[in-house]
């Protein structure tokens, strides 16, 4: 069994983060948006880049940044096929 967005990934995003990003049309709590296969799953990869600090500003704004275990879980969700 793979990593589930609903069970494993969605709970990692705080309500404040979801609410902050929604006006920018970044839907952190929406599996369809996060797993959109267009442009090689660009949405999921963009979020990962900001979570890891590969793109600035690092998210979530003001910290607390995700732990290595949380970042690994997110990466495995993508590797496992973006399961709902």
Protein backbone atom coordinates (compact mmCIF):
# COMPACT_ATOMS: atom_id res chain seq x y z
CA UNK A 1 0.00 0.00 0.00
CA UNK A 2 1.35 3.42 -0.97
CA UNK A 3 1.29 6.82 0.62
CA UNK A 4 -2.18 8.39 0.60
CA UNK A 5 -2.80 12.09 0.06
CA UNK A 6 -5.90 12.08 2.30
CA UNK A 7 -4.35 10.07 5.12
CA UNK A 8 -0.65 10.93 5.01
CA UNK A 9 -0.08 14.19 3.11
CA UNK A 10 -3.12 16.43 3.53
CA UNK A 11 -2.80 16.49 7.35
CA UNK A 12 0.75 17.88 7.02
CA UNK A 13 -0.60 21.15 5.63
CA UNK A 14 -1.79 23.46 8.39
CA UNK A 15 -5.09 25.29 7.94
CA UNK A 16 -3.23 28.60 7.94
CA UNK A 17 -1.05 27.37 5.05
CA UNK A 18 -4.02 26.15 3.04
CA UNK A 19 -5.89 29.41 3.66
CA UNK A 20 -2.83 31.53 2.82
CA UNK A 21 -2.18 29.82 -0.53
CA UNK A 22 -5.80 29.57 -1.74
CA UNK A 23 -5.94 33.20 -3.06
CA UNK A 24 -2.92 32.32 -5.24
CA UNK A 25 -4.93 29.37 -6.63
CA UNK A 26 -2.56 26.90 -4.96
CA UNK A 27 -4.89 24.30 -3.49
CA UNK A 28 -2.77 22.44 -0.95
CA UNK A 29 -5.75 20.50 0.38
CA UNK A 30 -7.06 19.37 -3.01
CA UNK A 31 -5.82 16.02 -4.30
CA UNK A 32 -6.96 16.74 -7.86
CA UNK A 33 -4.91 19.94 -7.95
CA UNK A 34 -1.88 18.47 -6.18
CA UNK A 35 -1.80 15.33 -8.34
CA UNK A 36 -2.61 17.02 -11.67
CA UNK A 37 -0.51 15.14 -14.25
CA UNK A 38 -0.16 18.16 -16.55
CA UNK A 39 3.42 19.27 -17.11
CA UNK A 40 4.82 16.22 -15.28
CA UNK A 41 2.89 16.90 -12.05
CA UNK A 42 4.11 20.49 -11.92
CA UNK A 43 1.89 21.49 -8.98
CA UNK A 44 3.21 18.77 -6.70
CA UNK A 45 6.81 19.45 -7.72
CA UNK A 46 6.44 23.22 -7.24
CA UNK A 47 5.07 22.69 -3.73
CA UNK A 48 7.94 20.30 -2.97
CA UNK A 49 10.48 22.88 -4.16
CA UNK A 50 9.08 25.50 -1.78
CA UNK A 51 8.82 23.03 1.12
CA UNK A 52 12.46 21.99 0.74
CA UNK A 53 13.76 25.52 0.19
CA UNK A 54 14.90 24.83 -3.38
CA UNK A 55 12.70 27.81 -4.28
CA UNK A 56 12.21 30.89 -2.14
CA UNK A 57 10.53 31.81 0.04
CA UNK A 58 10.73 28.53 1.88
CA UNK A 59 7.34 27.29 3.01
CA UNK A 60 5.56 27.39 5.27
CA UNK A 61 6.21 31.10 5.62
CA UNK A 62 7.75 31.83 8.99
CA UNK A 63 8.32 28.10 9.72
CA UNK A 64 8.02 25.67 11.34
CA UNK A 65 9.52 23.92 8.33
CA UNK A 66 8.73 20.32 7.58
CA UNK A 67 11.05 17.73 9.06
CA UNK A 68 13.20 15.45 6.91
CA UNK A 69 10.71 12.64 7.64
CA UNK A 70 7.77 14.75 6.46
CA UNK A 71 9.62 15.80 3.31
CA UNK A 72 10.53 12.17 2.65
CA UNK A 73 6.89 11.13 3.07
CA UNK A 74 5.82 13.78 0.55
CA UNK A 75 8.49 12.59 -1.92
CA UNK A 76 7.36 8.98 -1.48
CA UNK A 77 3.74 10.02 -2.12
CA UNK A 78 4.88 11.36 -5.49
CA UNK A 79 7.04 8.31 -6.23
CA UNK A 80 4.18 5.99 -5.28
CA UNK A 81 1.95 7.56 -7.91
CA UNK A 82 0.15 10.49 -6.24
CA UNK A 83 -2.42 8.21 -4.62
CA UNK A 84 -5.58 9.79 -3.27
